[in-house]
Structure formats: structure tokens, C-alpha cells
Amino acid sequence: MQEIKCRVAPSLGGGFAGTPEKVWGTKPYNAETDKELPCVFFGLYGLPDFYALWRHKGKKWILWAGSDIRHFISGYWLAEKGEIKIEPKALAKWINKNCENWTENEIEANSFPDTGLLKRAK
């Protein structure tokens, strides 16, 4: 069986009851050496996280959980004054084509109504 990696968004920090390494038995993700391996992406809070997802060439799963959903629905601002905003629909189209999406529960799965995201959510 091929090893599965897990990339946790750097902005998540610590403070969880467990880690993916302990709970799922995955190894931490290294963008340079693991880009062809299957990977779970946990926490997509901004463009650096989406860039890491886009650069990854192996199988991609996204686990959406809580505030990253709210951030996604609101879109992403590129400038402090709000001059440039990336709307979620374009990102959702690419994600649906290239990733498998998962949420913690049905309420979260149903919270993406206008983005077109999570057509394959479980």
C-alpha cells in the first residue's frame, strides 16, 4: 500500500487533541519530496494553502472542517484594502475536477451552497 501524506495548513498551529500522524498514521508532508504521493490537505485558509494544493501532482483529498469553509465562501482578498478579491467559484471548479472533498459532517457539507464546491463531498 502506498504511503499517504497529510499537509496541515501552517496557520492552524497546534492545540488539537491529536495530530494526523497519531490519529491516521500519516507522515508529515514535504512539498519537495512528496509531491507525487497521495496527500490529505487539512486547512485551506488562503492562497499559500491553495498554491500548495495546486502544485501537488499526486492524488489529493481535502478535509474541510470549520473556519476554512467560512474563509472559502467569503473569497480571498489579495490586498489589505480589499482592492482585489478572488471569488470561490473559479477555485471550486478546479478543486472539483482535481480533488476529492470531505467534511466532518453533513452540516458542513451543505454549507457551500453558492460556490459549486463539494459535489463529491462525503
PDB file of N, CA and C in Angstrom:
ATOM      1  N   MET A   1       0.840  -1.189   0.000  1.00  0.00           N
ATOM      2  CA  MET A   1       0.000   0.000   0.000  1.00  0.00           C
ATOM      3  C   MET A   1       0.880   1.246   0.000  1.00  0.00           C
ATOM      4  N   GLN A   2       0.533   2.205  -0.829  1.00  0.00           N
ATOM      5  CA  GLN A   2       1.328   3.422  -0.929  1.00  0.00           C
ATOM      6  C   GLN A   2       1.100   4.322   0.284  1.00  0.00           C
ATOM      7  N   GLU A   3       2.167   4.936   0.724  1.00  0.00           N
ATOM      8  CA  GLU A   3       2.106   5.844   1.871  1.00  0.00           C
ATOM      9  C   GLU A   3       1.266   7.070   1.537  1.00  0.00           C
ATOM     10  N   ILE A   4       0.459   7.512   2.500  1.00  0.00           N
ATOM     11  CA  ILE A   4      -0.353   8.718   2.344  1.00  0.00           C
ATOM     12  C   ILE A   4       0.196   9.787   3.265  1.00  0.00           C
ATOM     13  N   LYS A   5       0.376  10.978   2.727  1.00  0.00           N
ATOM     14  CA  LYS A   5       0.877  12.119   3.487  1.00  0.00           C
ATOM     15  C   LYS A   5      -0.279  13.003   3.922  1.00  0.00           C
ATOM     16  N   CYS A   6      -0.005  13.906   4.836  1.00  0.00           N
ATOM     17  CA  CYS A   6      -1.005  14.874   5.275  1.00  0.00           C
ATOM     18  C   CYS A   6      -0.339  16.240   5.403  1.00  0.00           C
ATOM     19  N   ARG A   7      -0.891  17.215   4.663  1.00  0.00           N
ATOM     20  CA  ARG A   7      -0.400  18.588   4.789  1.00  0.00           C
ATOM     21  C   ARG A   7      -1.385  19.360   5.652  1.00  0.00           C
ATOM     22  N   VAL A   8      -0.910  19.797   6.793  1.00  0.00           N
ATOM     23  CA  VAL A   8      -1.712  20.610   7.699  1.00  0.00           C
ATOM     24  C   VAL A   8      -1.335  22.070   7.457  1.00  0.00           C
ATOM     25  N   ALA A   9      -2.323  22.924   7.242  1.00  0.00           N
ATOM     26  CA  ALA A   9      -2.058  24.346   6.993  1.00  0.00           C
ATOM     27  C   ALA A   9      -1.214  24.916   8.125  1.00  0.00           C
ATOM     28  N   PRO A  10      -0.124  25.610   7.797  1.00  0.00           N
ATOM     29  CA  PRO A  10       0.726  26.200   8.838  1.00  0.00           C
ATOM     30  C   PRO A  10      -0.032  27.135   9.772  1.00  0.00           C
ATOM     31  N   SER A  11      -1.082  27.783   9.266  1.00  0.00           N
ATOM     32  CA  SER A  11      -1.831  28.731  10.092  1.00  0.00           C
ATOM     33  C   SER A  11      -2.676  28.036  11.168  1.00  0.00           C
ATOM     34  N   LEU A  12      -2.852  26.728  11.073  1.00  0.00           N
ATOM     35  CA  LEU A  12      -3.627  26.017  12.090  1.00  0.00           C
ATOM     36  C   LEU A  12      -2.909  25.963  13.435  1.00  0.00           C
ATOM     37  N   GLY A  13      -1.599  25.894  13.404  1.00  0.00           N
ATOM     38  CA  GLY A  13      -0.858  25.821  14.662  1.00  0.00           C
ATOM     39  C   GLY A  13      -1.129  24.518  15.380  1.00  0.00           C
ATOM     40  N   GLY A  14      -1.062  24.527  16.683  1.00  0.00           N
ATOM     41  CA  GLY A  14      -1.290  23.312  17.470  1.00  0.00           C
ATOM     42  C   GLY A  14      -2.591  23.418  18.230  1.00  0.00           C
ATOM     43  N   GLY A  15      -2.640  22.780  19.367  1.00  0.00           N
ATOM     44  CA  GLY A  15      -3.808  22.879  20.221  1.00  0.00           C
ATOM     45  C   GLY A  15      -4.889  21.851  19.953  1.00  0.00           C
ATOM     46  N   PHE A  16      -4.600  20.836  19.149  1.00  0.00           N
ATOM     47  CA  PHE A  16      -5.589  19.807  18.879  1.00  0.00           C
ATOM     48  C   PHE A  16      -5.384  18.632  19.830  1.00  0.00           C
ATOM     49  N   ALA A  17      -6.428  17.844  20.004  1.00  0.00           N
ATOM     50  CA  ALA A  17      -6.347  16.670  20.873  1.00  0.00           C
ATOM     51  C   ALA A  17      -5.384  15.633  20.297  1.00  0.00           C
ATOM     52  N   GLY A  18      -5.253  15.598  19.007  1.00  0.00           N
ATOM     53  CA  GLY A  18      -4.349  14.667  18.347  1.00  0.00           C
ATOM     54  C   GLY A  18      -3.822  15.276  17.072  1.00  0.00           C
ATOM     55  N   THR A  19      -2.949  14.580  16.411  1.00  0.00           N
ATOM     56  CA  THR A  19      -2.412  15.036  15.132  1.00  0.00           C
ATOM     57  C   THR A  19      -2.763  13.998  14.072  1.00  0.00           C
ATOM     58  N   PRO A  20      -2.739  14.372  12.789  1.00  0.00           N
ATOM     59  CA  PRO A  20      -2.976  13.365  11.751  1.00  0.00           C
ATOM     60  C   PRO A  20      -1.981  12.205  11.847  1.00  0.00           C
ATOM     61  N   GLU A  21      -0.760  12.518  12.240  1.00  0.00           N
ATOM     62  CA  GLU A  21       0.251  11.474  12.369  1.00  0.00           C
ATOM     63  C   GLU A  21      -0.183  10.421  13.397  1.00  0.00           C
ATOM     64  N   LYS A  22      -0.715  10.884  14.528  1.00  0.00           N
ATOM     65  CA  LYS A  22      -1.131   9.955  15.586  1.00  0.00           C
ATOM     66  C   LYS A  22      -2.469   9.297  15.278  1.00  0.00           C
ATOM     67  N   VAL A  23      -3.429  10.064  14.773  1.00  0.00           N
ATOM     68  CA  VAL A  23      -4.781   9.550  14.555  1.00  0.00           C
ATOM     69  C   VAL A  23      -4.854   8.675  13.310  1.00  0.00           C
ATOM     70  N   TRP A  24      -4.291   9.153  12.193  1.00  0.00           N
ATOM     71  CA  TRP A  24      -4.395   8.429  10.931  1.00  0.00           C
ATOM     72  C   TRP A  24      -3.153   7.610  10.598  1.00  0.00           C
ATOM     73  N   GLY A  25      -2.064   7.871  11.291  1.00  0.00           N
ATOM     74  CA  GLY A  25      -0.821   7.174  10.980  1.00  0.00           C
ATOM     75  C   GLY A  25      -0.121   7.702   9.741  1.00  0.00           C
ATOM     76  N   THR A  26      -0.443   8.948   9.345  1.00  0.00           N
ATOM     77  CA  THR A  26       0.209   9.553   8.174  1.00  0.00           C
ATOM     78  C   THR A  26       1.540  10.172   8.583  1.00  0.00           C
ATOM     79  N   LYS A  27       2.322  10.487   7.609  1.00  0.00           N
ATOM     80  CA  LYS A  27       3.593  11.188   7.816  1.00  0.00           C
ATOM     81  C   LYS A  27       3.421  12.640   7.384  1.00  0.00           C
ATOM     82  N   PRO A  28       4.174  13.569   7.997  1.00  0.00           N
ATOM     83  CA  PRO A  28       4.084  14.974   7.581  1.00  0.00           C
ATOM     84  C   PRO A  28       4.447  15.138   6.102  1.00  0.00           C
ATOM     85  N   TYR A  29       3.859  16.139   5.486  1.00  0.00           N
ATOM     86  CA  TYR A  29       4.048  16.415   4.063  1.00  0.00           C
ATOM     87  C   TYR A  29       5.273  17.285   3.829  1.00  0.00           C
ATOM     88  N   ASN A  30       6.077  16.900   2.853  1.00  0.00           N
ATOM     89  CA  ASN A  30       7.211  17.690   2.411  1.00  0.00           C
ATOM     90  C   ASN A  30       6.966  18.034   0.946  1.00  0.00           C
ATOM     91  N   ALA A  31       6.773  19.299   0.641  1.00  0.00           N
ATOM     92  CA  ALA A  31       6.400  19.728  -0.713  1.00  0.00           C
ATOM     93  C   ALA A  31       7.436  19.348  -1.763  1.00  0.00           C
ATOM     94  N   GLU A  32       8.682  19.214  -1.378  1.00  0.00           N
ATOM     95  CA  GLU A  32       9.730  18.892  -2.347  1.00  0.00           C
ATOM     96  C   GLU A  32       9.821  17.398  -2.638  1.00  0.00           C
ATOM     97  N   THR A  33       9.674  16.570  -1.624  1.00  0.00           N
ATOM     98  CA  THR A  33       9.884  15.129  -1.812  1.00  0.00           C
ATOM     99  C   THR A  33       8.598  14.330  -1.961  1.00  0.00           C
ATOM    100  N   ASP A  34       7.457  14.906  -1.590  1.00  0.00           N
ATOM    101  CA  ASP A  34       6.205  14.144  -1.546  1.00  0.00           C
ATOM    102  C   ASP A  34       5.180  14.559  -2.586  1.00  0.00           C
ATOM    103  N   LYS A  35       5.560  15.364  -3.571  1.00  0.00           N
ATOM    104  CA  LYS A  35       4.566  15.939  -4.484  1.00  0.00           C
ATOM    105  C   LYS A  35       3.877  14.925  -5.389  1.00  0.00           C
ATOM    106  N   GLU A  36       4.391  13.701  -5.477  1.00  0.00           N
ATOM    107  CA  GLU A  36       3.748  12.670  -6.296  1.00  0.00           C
ATOM    108  C   GLU A  36       2.929  11.694  -5.448  1.00  0.00           C
ATOM    109  N   LEU A  37       3.067  11.754  -4.122  1.00  0.00           N
ATOM    110  CA  LEU A  37       2.373  10.816  -3.237  1.00  0.00           C
ATOM    111  C   LEU A  37       0.952  11.270  -2.948  1.00  0.00           C
ATOM    112  N   PRO A  38       0.048  10.350  -2.633  1.00  0.00           N
ATOM    113  CA  PRO A  38      -1.294  10.759  -2.230  1.00  0.00           C
ATOM    114  C   PRO A  38      -1.213  11.603  -0.959  1.00  0.00           C
ATOM    115  N   CYS A  39      -2.081  12.612  -0.871  1.00  0.00           N
ATOM    116  CA  CYS A  39      -1.997  13.533   0.264  1.00  0.00           C
ATOM    117  C   CYS A  39      -3.366  14.059   0.657  1.00  0.00           C
ATOM    118  N   VAL A  40      -3.587  14.139   1.972  1.00  0.00           N
ATOM    119  CA  VAL A  40      -4.759  14.794   2.533  1.00  0.00           C
ATOM    120  C   VAL A  40      -4.352  16.223   2.871  1.00  0.00           C
ATOM    121  N   PHE A  41      -5.113  17.194   2.386  1.00  0.00           N
ATOM    122  CA  PHE A  41      -4.866  18.601   2.704  1.00  0.00           C
ATOM    123  C   PHE A  41      -5.875  19.019   3.756  1.00  0.00           C
ATOM    124  N   PHE A  42      -5.364  19.424   4.913  1.00  0.00           N
ATOM    125  CA  PHE A  42      -6.214  19.789   6.041  1.00  0.00           C
ATOM    126  C   PHE A  42      -5.981  21.257   6.359  1.00  0.00           C
ATOM    127  N   GLY A  43      -6.983  22.076   6.074  1.00  0.00           N
ATOM    128  CA  GLY A  43      -6.876  23.509   6.308  1.00  0.00           C
ATOM    129  C   GLY A  43      -6.473  24.252   5.055  1.00  0.00           C
ATOM    130  N   LEU A  44      -7.430  24.874   4.403  1.00  0.00           N
ATOM    131  CA  LEU A  44      -7.170  25.738   3.234  1.00  0.00           C
ATOM    132  C   LEU A  44      -7.669  27.130   3.611  1.00  0.00           C
ATOM    133  N   TYR A  45      -6.761  27.931   4.138  1.00  0.00           N
ATOM    134  CA  TYR A  45      -7.141  29.230   4.686  1.00  0.00           C
ATOM    135  C   TYR A  45      -6.773  30.408   3.806  1.00  0.00           C
ATOM    136  N   GLY A  46      -5.973  30.210   2.823  1.00  0.00           N
ATOM    137  CA  GLY A  46      -5.574  31.321   1.982  1.00  0.00           C
ATOM    138  C   GLY A  46      -4.816  30.835   0.769  1.00  0.00           C
ATOM    139  N   LEU A  47      -4.351  31.776  -0.012  1.00  0.00           N
ATOM    140  CA  LEU A  47      -3.688  31.443  -1.266  1.00  0.00           C
ATOM    141  C   LEU A  47      -2.436  30.586  -1.099  1.00  0.00           C
ATOM    142  N   PRO A  48      -1.621  30.748  -0.045  1.00  0.00           N
ATOM    143  CA  PRO A  48      -0.478  29.834   0.096  1.00  0.00           C
ATOM    144  C   PRO A  48      -0.911  28.367   0.215  1.00  0.00           C
ATOM    145  N   ASP A  49      -2.023  28.128   0.902  1.00  0.00           N
ATOM    146  CA  ASP A  49      -2.520  26.759   1.032  1.00  0.00           C
ATOM    147  C   ASP A  49      -3.035  26.237  -0.307  1.00  0.00           C
ATOM    148  N   PHE A  50      -3.744  27.080  -1.058  1.00  0.00           N
ATOM    149  CA  PHE A  50      -4.237  26.660  -2.372  1.00  0.00           C
ATOM    150  C   PHE A  50      -3.091  26.482  -3.367  1.00  0.00           C
ATOM    151  N   TYR A  51      -2.057  27.282  -3.233  1.00  0.00           N
ATOM    152  CA  TYR A  51      -0.889  27.117  -4.104  1.00  0.00           C
ATOM    153  C   TYR A  51      -0.232  25.760  -3.840  1.00  0.00           C
ATOM    154  N   ALA A  52      -0.117  25.379  -2.578  1.00  0.00           N
ATOM    155  CA  ALA A  52       0.451  24.072  -2.232  1.00  0.00           C
ATOM    156  C   ALA A  52      -0.416  22.951  -2.813  1.00  0.00           C
ATOM    157  N   LEU A  53      -1.723  23.112  -2.741  1.00  0.00           N
ATOM    158  CA  LEU A  53      -2.648  22.131  -3.303  1.00  0.00           C
ATOM    159  C   LEU A  53      -2.482  22.043  -4.817  1.00  0.00           C
ATOM    160  N   TRP A  54      -2.405  23.173  -5.462  1.00  0.00           N
ATOM    161  CA  TRP A  54      -2.266  23.232  -6.927  1.00  0.00           C
ATOM    162  C   TRP A  54      -0.946  22.603  -7.387  1.00  0.00           C
ATOM    163  N   ARG A  55       0.124  22.856  -6.652  1.00  0.00           N
ATOM    164  CA  ARG A  55       1.448  22.325  -7.016  1.00  0.00           C
ATOM    165  C   ARG A  55       1.550  20.813  -6.834  1.00  0.00           C
ATOM    166  N   HIS A  56       0.750  20.258  -5.950  1.00  0.00           N
ATOM    167  CA  HIS A  56       0.829  18.829  -5.666  1.00  0.00           C
ATOM    168  C   HIS A  56       0.346  18.036  -6.878  1.00  0.00           C
ATOM    169  N   LYS A  57       1.100  17.034  -7.293  1.00  0.00           N
ATOM    170  CA  LYS A  57       0.773  16.272  -8.507  1.00  0.00           C
ATOM    171  C   LYS A  57       0.157  14.907  -8.220  1.00  0.00           C
ATOM    172  N   GLY A  58       0.195  14.440  -6.982  1.00  0.00           N
ATOM    173  CA  GLY A  58      -0.392  13.151  -6.635  1.00  0.00           C
ATOM    174  C   GLY A  58      -1.879  13.281  -6.344  1.00  0.00           C
ATOM    175  N   LYS A  59      -2.488  12.171  -5.933  1.00  0.00           N
ATOM    176  CA  LYS A  59      -3.896  12.158  -5.527  1.00  0.00           C
ATOM    177  C   LYS A  59      -4.087  13.144  -4.397  1.00  0.00           C
ATOM    178  N   LYS A  60      -5.217  13.898  -4.457  1.00  0.00           N
ATOM    179  CA  LYS A  60      -5.479  14.945  -3.463  1.00  0.00           C
ATOM    180  C   LYS A  60      -6.848  14.738  -2.834  1.00  0.00           C
ATOM    181  N   TRP A  61      -6.854  14.725  -1.509  1.00  0.00           N
ATOM    182  CA  TRP A  61      -8.089  14.763  -0.747  1.00  0.00           C
ATOM    183  C   TRP A  61      -8.058  16.048   0.060  1.00  0.00           C
ATOM    184  N   ILE A  62      -9.219  16.677   0.235  1.00  0.00           N
ATOM    185  CA  ILE A  62      -9.316  17.856   1.107  1.00  0.00           C
ATOM    186  C   ILE A  62     -10.290  17.520   2.219  1.00  0.00           C
ATOM    187  N   LEU A  63      -9.851  17.747   3.453  1.00  0.00           N
ATOM    188  CA  LEU A  63     -10.747  17.627   4.594  1.00  0.00           C
ATOM    189  C   LEU A  63     -11.102  19.038   5.027  1.00  0.00           C
ATOM    190  N   TRP A  64     -12.342  19.434   4.759  1.00  0.00           N
ATOM    191  CA  TRP A  64     -12.858  20.749   5.135  1.00  0.00           C
ATOM    192  C   TRP A  64     -13.440  20.640   6.533  1.00  0.00           C
ATOM    193  N   ALA A  65     -13.101  21.583   7.396  1.00  0.00           N
ATOM    194  CA  ALA A  65     -13.578  21.490   8.777  1.00  0.00           C
ATOM    195  C   ALA A  65     -13.634  22.870   9.416  1.00  0.00           C
ATOM    196  N   GLY A  66     -14.807  23.442   9.471  1.00  0.00           N
ATOM    197  CA  GLY A  66     -14.993  24.668  10.243  1.00  0.00           C
ATOM    198  C   GLY A  66     -14.634  25.949   9.528  1.00  0.00           C
ATOM    199  N   SER A  67     -13.686  26.685  10.095  1.00  0.00           N
ATOM    200  CA  SER A  67     -13.435  28.049   9.623  1.00  0.00           C
ATOM    201  C   SER A  67     -12.832  28.111   8.223  1.00  0.00           C
ATOM    202  N   ASP A  68     -12.174  27.055   7.752  1.00  0.00           N
ATOM    203  CA  ASP A  68     -11.678  27.116   6.374  1.00  0.00           C
ATOM    204  C   ASP A  68     -12.849  27.153   5.390  1.00  0.00           C
ATOM    205  N   ILE A  69     -13.997  26.589   5.773  1.00  0.00           N
ATOM    206  CA  ILE A  69     -15.201  26.675   4.941  1.00  0.00           C
ATOM    207  C   ILE A  69     -15.676  28.122   4.866  1.00  0.00           C
ATOM    208  N   ARG A  70     -15.740  28.795   6.014  1.00  0.00           N
ATOM    209  CA  ARG A  70     -16.172  30.206   6.030  1.00  0.00           C
ATOM    210  C   ARG A  70     -15.221  31.079   5.215  1.00  0.00           C
ATOM    211  N   HIS A  71     -13.929  30.848   5.346  1.00  0.00           N
ATOM    212  CA  HIS A  71     -12.956  31.616   4.572  1.00  0.00           C
ATOM    213  C   HIS A  71     -13.156  31.383   3.074  1.00  0.00           C
ATOM    214  N   PHE A  72     -13.375  30.132   2.674  1.00  0.00           N
ATOM    215  CA  PHE A  72     -13.556  29.816   1.268  1.00  0.00           C
ATOM    216  C   PHE A  72     -14.793  30.498   0.698  1.00  0.00           C
ATOM    217  N   ILE A  73     -15.905  30.414   1.408  1.00  0.00           N
ATOM    218  CA  ILE A  73     -17.166  31.003   0.938  1.00  0.00           C
ATOM    219  C   ILE A  73     -17.046  32.509   0.752  1.00  0.00           C
ATOM    220  N   SER A  74     -16.278  33.164   1.618  1.00  0.00           N
ATOM    221  CA  SER A  74     -16.126  34.624   1.559  1.00  0.00           C
ATOM    222  C   SER A  74     -15.204  35.088   0.446  1.00  0.00           C
ATOM    223  N   GLY A  75     -14.413  34.198  -0.114  1.00  0.00           N
ATOM    224  CA  GLY A  75     -13.422  34.597  -1.112  1.00  0.00           C
ATOM    225  C   GLY A  75     -12.148  35.053  -0.425  1.00  0.00           C
ATOM    226  N   TYR A  76     -11.121  35.292  -1.200  1.00  0.00           N
ATOM    227  CA  TYR A  76      -9.813  35.644  -0.643  1.00  0.00           C
ATOM    228  C   TYR A  76      -9.370  37.003  -1.173  1.00  0.00           C
ATOM    229  N   TRP A  77      -8.998  37.876  -0.247  1.00  0.00           N
ATOM    230  CA  TRP A  77      -8.528  39.206  -0.604  1.00  0.00           C
ATOM    231  C   TRP A  77      -7.022  39.176  -0.804  1.00  0.00           C
ATOM    232  N   LEU A  78      -6.557  39.804  -1.878  1.00  0.00           N
ATOM    233  CA  LEU A  78      -5.128  39.856  -2.172  1.00  0.00           C
ATOM    234  C   LEU A  78      -4.482  41.134  -1.683  1.00  0.00           C
ATOM    235  N   ALA A  79      -5.261  42.108  -1.338  1.00  0.00           N
ATOM    236  CA  ALA A  79      -4.714  43.384  -0.888  1.00  0.00           C
ATOM    237  C   ALA A  79      -5.366  43.755   0.442  1.00  0.00           C
ATOM    238  N   GLU A  80      -4.609  44.421   1.288  1.00  0.00           N
ATOM    239  CA  GLU A  80      -5.108  44.797   2.610  1.00  0.00           C
ATOM    240  C   GLU A  80      -6.363  45.664   2.534  1.00  0.00           C
ATOM    241  N   LYS A  81      -6.450  46.518   1.550  1.00  0.00           N
ATOM    242  CA  LYS A  81      -7.591  47.417   1.424  1.00  0.00           C
ATOM    243  C   LYS A  81      -8.762  46.787   0.680  1.00  0.00           C
ATOM    244  N   GLY A  82      -8.639  45.509   0.335  1.00  0.00           N
ATOM    245  CA  GLY A  82      -9.742  44.833  -0.343  1.00  0.00           C
ATOM    246  C   GLY A  82      -9.896  45.218  -1.797  1.00  0.00           C
ATOM    247  N   GLU A  83      -8.807  45.581  -2.448  1.00  0.00           N
ATOM    248  CA  GLU A  83      -8.897  46.015  -3.837  1.00  0.00           C
ATOM    249  C   GLU A  83      -9.017  44.846  -4.812  1.00  0.00           C
ATOM    250  N   ILE A  84      -8.472  43.688  -4.461  1.00  0.00           N
ATOM    251  CA  ILE A  84      -8.512  42.536  -5.356  1.00  0.00           C
ATOM    252  C   ILE A  84      -9.043  41.345  -4.566  1.00  0.00           C
ATOM    253  N   LYS A  85     -10.069  40.717  -5.099  1.00  0.00           N
ATOM    254  CA  LYS A  85     -10.664  39.574  -4.418  1.00  0.00           C
ATOM    255  C   LYS A  85     -10.768  38.399  -5.380  1.00  0.00           C
ATOM    256  N   ILE A  86     -10.416  37.226  -4.911  1.00  0.00           N
ATOM    257  CA  ILE A  86     -10.587  36.006  -5.697  1.00  0.00           C
ATOM    258  C   ILE A  86     -11.859  35.332  -5.219  1.00  0.00           C
ATOM    259  N   GLU A  87     -12.808  35.204  -6.112  1.00  0.00           N
ATOM    260  CA  GLU A  87     -14.087  34.588  -5.787  1.00  0.00           C
ATOM    261  C   GLU A  87     -13.930  33.069  -5.720  1.00  0.00           C
ATOM    262  N   PRO A  88     -14.736  32.393  -4.927  1.00  0.00           N
ATOM    263  CA  PRO A  88     -14.553  30.954  -4.732  1.00  0.00           C
ATOM    264  C   PRO A  88     -14.982  30.080  -5.905  1.00  0.00           C
ATOM    265  N   LYS A  89     -15.835  30.562  -6.802  1.00  0.00           N
ATOM    266  CA  LYS A  89     -16.354  29.684  -7.858  1.00  0.00           C
ATOM    267  C   LYS A  89     -15.261  29.147  -8.782  1.00  0.00           C
ATOM    268  N   ALA A  90     -14.301  29.973  -9.147  1.00  0.00           N
ATOM    269  CA  ALA A  90     -13.219  29.501 -10.010  1.00  0.00           C
ATOM    270  C   ALA A  90     -12.368  28.456  -9.290  1.00  0.00           C
ATOM    271  N   LEU A  91     -12.079  28.695  -8.016  1.00  0.00           N
ATOM    272  CA  LEU A  91     -11.332  27.712  -7.231  1.00  0.00           C
ATOM    273  C   LEU A  91     -12.140  26.427  -7.087  1.00  0.00           C
ATOM    274  N   ALA A  92     -13.448  26.551  -6.852  1.00  0.00           N
ATOM    275  CA  ALA A  92     -14.302  25.379  -6.676  1.00  0.00           C
ATOM    276  C   ALA A  92     -14.304  24.513  -7.934  1.00  0.00           C
ATOM    277  N   LYS A  93     -14.335  25.134  -9.090  1.00  0.00           N
ATOM    278  CA  LYS A  93     -14.340  24.375 -10.342  1.00  0.00           C
ATOM    279  C   LYS A  93     -13.070  23.537 -10.467  1.00  0.00           C
ATOM    280  N   TRP A  94     -11.916  24.143 -10.182  1.00  0.00           N
ATOM    281  CA  TRP A  94     -10.647  23.412 -10.264  1.00  0.00           C
ATOM    282  C   TRP A  94     -10.593  22.310  -9.202  1.00  0.00           C
ATOM    283  N   ILE A  95     -11.009  22.633  -7.983  1.00  0.00           N
ATOM    284  CA  ILE A  95     -10.977  21.657  -6.888  1.00  0.00           C
ATOM    285  C   ILE A  95     -11.860  20.458  -7.213  1.00  0.00           C
ATOM    286  N   ASN A  96     -13.067  20.704  -7.706  1.00  0.00           N
ATOM    287  CA  ASN A  96     -13.969  19.591  -8.034  1.00  0.00           C
ATOM    288  C   ASN A  96     -13.393  18.686  -9.116  1.00  0.00           C
ATOM    289  N   LYS A  97     -12.639  19.254 -10.018  1.00  0.00           N
ATOM    290  CA  LYS A  97     -12.046  18.472 -11.096  1.00  0.00           C
ATOM    291  C   LYS A  97     -10.842  17.670 -10.615  1.00  0.00           C
ATOM    292  N   ASN A  98     -10.080  18.198  -9.655  1.00  0.00           N
ATOM    293  CA  ASN A  98      -8.784  17.624  -9.312  1.00  0.00           C
ATOM    294  C   ASN A  98      -8.658  17.022  -7.916  1.00  0.00           C
ATOM    295  N   CYS A  99      -9.679  17.175  -7.091  1.00  0.00           N
ATOM    296  CA  CYS A  99      -9.573  16.734  -5.699  1.00  0.00           C
ATOM    297  C   CYS A  99     -10.831  15.995  -5.274  1.00  0.00           C
ATOM    298  N   GLU A 100     -10.683  15.199  -4.237  1.00  0.00           N
ATOM    299  CA  GLU A 100     -11.840  14.601  -3.586  1.00  0.00           C
ATOM    300  C   GLU A 100     -12.062  15.362  -2.287  1.00  0.00           C
ATOM    301  N   ASN A 101     -13.287  15.811  -2.054  1.00  0.00           N
ATOM    302  CA  ASN A 101     -13.619  16.657  -0.906  1.00  0.00           C
ATOM    303  C   ASN A 101     -14.353  15.870   0.170  1.00  0.00           C
ATOM    304  N   TRP A 102     -13.976  16.157   1.406  1.00  0.00           N
ATOM    305  CA  TRP A 102     -14.616  15.533   2.565  1.00  0.00           C
ATOM    306  C   TRP A 102     -14.869  16.602   3.608  1.00  0.00           C
ATOM    307  N   THR A 103     -15.920  16.403   4.400  1.00  0.00           N
ATOM    308  CA  THR A 103     -16.202  17.281   5.534  1.00  0.00           C
ATOM    309  C   THR A 103     -16.387  16.418   6.771  1.00  0.00           C
ATOM    310  N   GLU A 104     -16.387  17.076   7.925  1.00  0.00           N
ATOM    311  CA  GLU A 104     -16.572  16.346   9.174  1.00  0.00           C
ATOM    312  C   GLU A 104     -18.004  15.863   9.358  1.00  0.00           C
ATOM    313  N   ASN A 105     -18.961  16.595   8.780  1.00  0.00           N
ATOM    314  CA  ASN A 105     -20.367  16.241   8.991  1.00  0.00           C
ATOM    315  C   ASN A 105     -21.226  16.810   7.864  1.00  0.00           C
ATOM    316  N   GLU A 106     -22.491  16.443   7.866  1.00  0.00           N
ATOM    317  CA  GLU A 106     -23.420  16.858   6.815  1.00  0.00           C
ATOM    318  C   GLU A 106     -23.701  18.361   6.839  1.00  0.00           C
ATOM    319  N   ILE A 107     -23.742  18.948   8.012  1.00  0.00           N
ATOM    320  CA  ILE A 107     -23.968  20.394   8.115  1.00  0.00           C
ATOM    321  C   ILE A 107     -22.872  21.143   7.365  1.00  0.00           C
ATOM    322  N   GLU A 108     -21.622  20.748   7.556  1.00  0.00           N
ATOM    323  CA  GLU A 108     -20.520  21.392   6.839  1.00  0.00           C
ATOM    324  C   GLU A 108     -20.605  21.111   5.341  1.00  0.00           C
ATOM    325  N   ALA A 109     -20.982  19.915   4.971  1.00  0.00           N
ATOM    326  CA  ALA A 109     -21.101  19.572   3.545  1.00  0.00           C
ATOM    327  C   ALA A 109     -22.138  20.438   2.848  1.00  0.00           C
ATOM    328  N   ASN A 110     -23.173  20.835   3.576  1.00  0.00           N
ATOM    329  CA  ASN A 110     -24.241  21.649   2.991  1.00  0.00           C
ATOM    330  C   ASN A 110     -23.980  23.148   3.096  1.00  0.00           C
ATOM    331  N   SER A 111     -22.835  23.554   3.586  1.00  0.00           N
ATOM    332  CA  SER A 111     -22.572  24.976   3.815  1.00  0.00           C
ATOM    333  C   SER A 111     -21.867  25.665   2.645  1.00  0.00           C
ATOM    334  N   PHE A 112     -21.728  24.994   1.511  1.00  0.00           N
ATOM    335  CA  PHE A 112     -21.079  25.558   0.328  1.00  0.00           C
ATOM    336  C   PHE A 112     -22.082  25.873  -0.780  1.00  0.00           C
ATOM    337  N   PRO A 113     -23.244  26.422  -0.508  1.00  0.00           N
ATOM    338  CA  PRO A 113     -24.323  26.445  -1.496  1.00  0.00           C
ATOM    339  C   PRO A 113     -24.031  27.195  -2.787  1.00  0.00           C
ATOM    340  N   ASP A 114     -23.388  28.332  -2.741  1.00  0.00           N
ATOM    341  CA  ASP A 114     -23.229  29.152  -3.941  1.00  0.00           C
ATOM    342  C   ASP A 114     -21.870  29.028  -4.609  1.00  0.00           C
ATOM    343  N   THR A 115     -21.013  28.169  -4.082  1.00  0.00           N
ATOM    344  CA  THR A 115     -19.662  28.081  -4.634  1.00  0.00           C
ATOM    345  C   THR A 115     -19.531  26.988  -5.682  1.00  0.00           C
ATOM    346  N   GLY A 116     -20.442  26.032  -5.677  1.00  0.00           N
ATOM    347  CA  GLY A 116     -20.318  24.896  -6.590  1.00  0.00           C
ATOM    348  C   GLY A 116     -19.371  23.842  -6.071  1.00  0.00           C
ATOM    349  N   LEU A 117     -18.864  24.022  -4.865  1.00  0.00           N
ATOM    350  CA  LEU A 117     -17.896  23.091  -4.306  1.00  0.00           C
ATOM    351  C   LEU A 117     -18.592  21.926  -3.615  1.00  0.00           C
ATOM    352  N   LEU A 118     -17.854  20.893  -3.468  1.00  0.00           N
ATOM    353  CA  LEU A 118     -18.256  19.701  -2.725  1.00  0.00           C
ATOM    354  C   LEU A 118     -19.325  18.879  -3.422  1.00  0.00           C
ATOM    355  N   LYS A 119     -19.250  18.794  -4.712  1.00  0.00           N
ATOM    356  CA  LYS A 119     -20.179  17.925  -5.420  1.00  0.00           C
ATOM    357  C   LYS A 119     -19.940  16.471  -5.051  1.00  0.00           C
ATOM    358  N   ARG A 120     -18.719  16.161  -4.608  1.00  0.00           N
ATOM    359  CA  ARG A 120     -18.391  14.786  -4.244  1.00  0.00           C
ATOM    360  C   ARG A 120     -18.140  14.653  -2.757  1.00  0.00           C
ATOM    361  N   ALA A 121     -18.683  15.545  -1.972  1.00  0.00           N
ATOM    362  CA  ALA A 121     -18.443  15.502  -0.521  1.00  0.00           C
ATOM    363  C   ALA A 121     -19.093  14.286   0.096  1.00  0.00           C
ATOM    364  N   LYS A 122     -18.469  13.784   1.119  1.00  0.00           N
ATOM    365  CA  LYS A 122     -18.983  12.610   1.862  1.00  0.00           C
ATOM    366  C   LYS A 122     -19.306  13.033   3.263  1.00  0.00           C
TER     367      LYS A 122
END
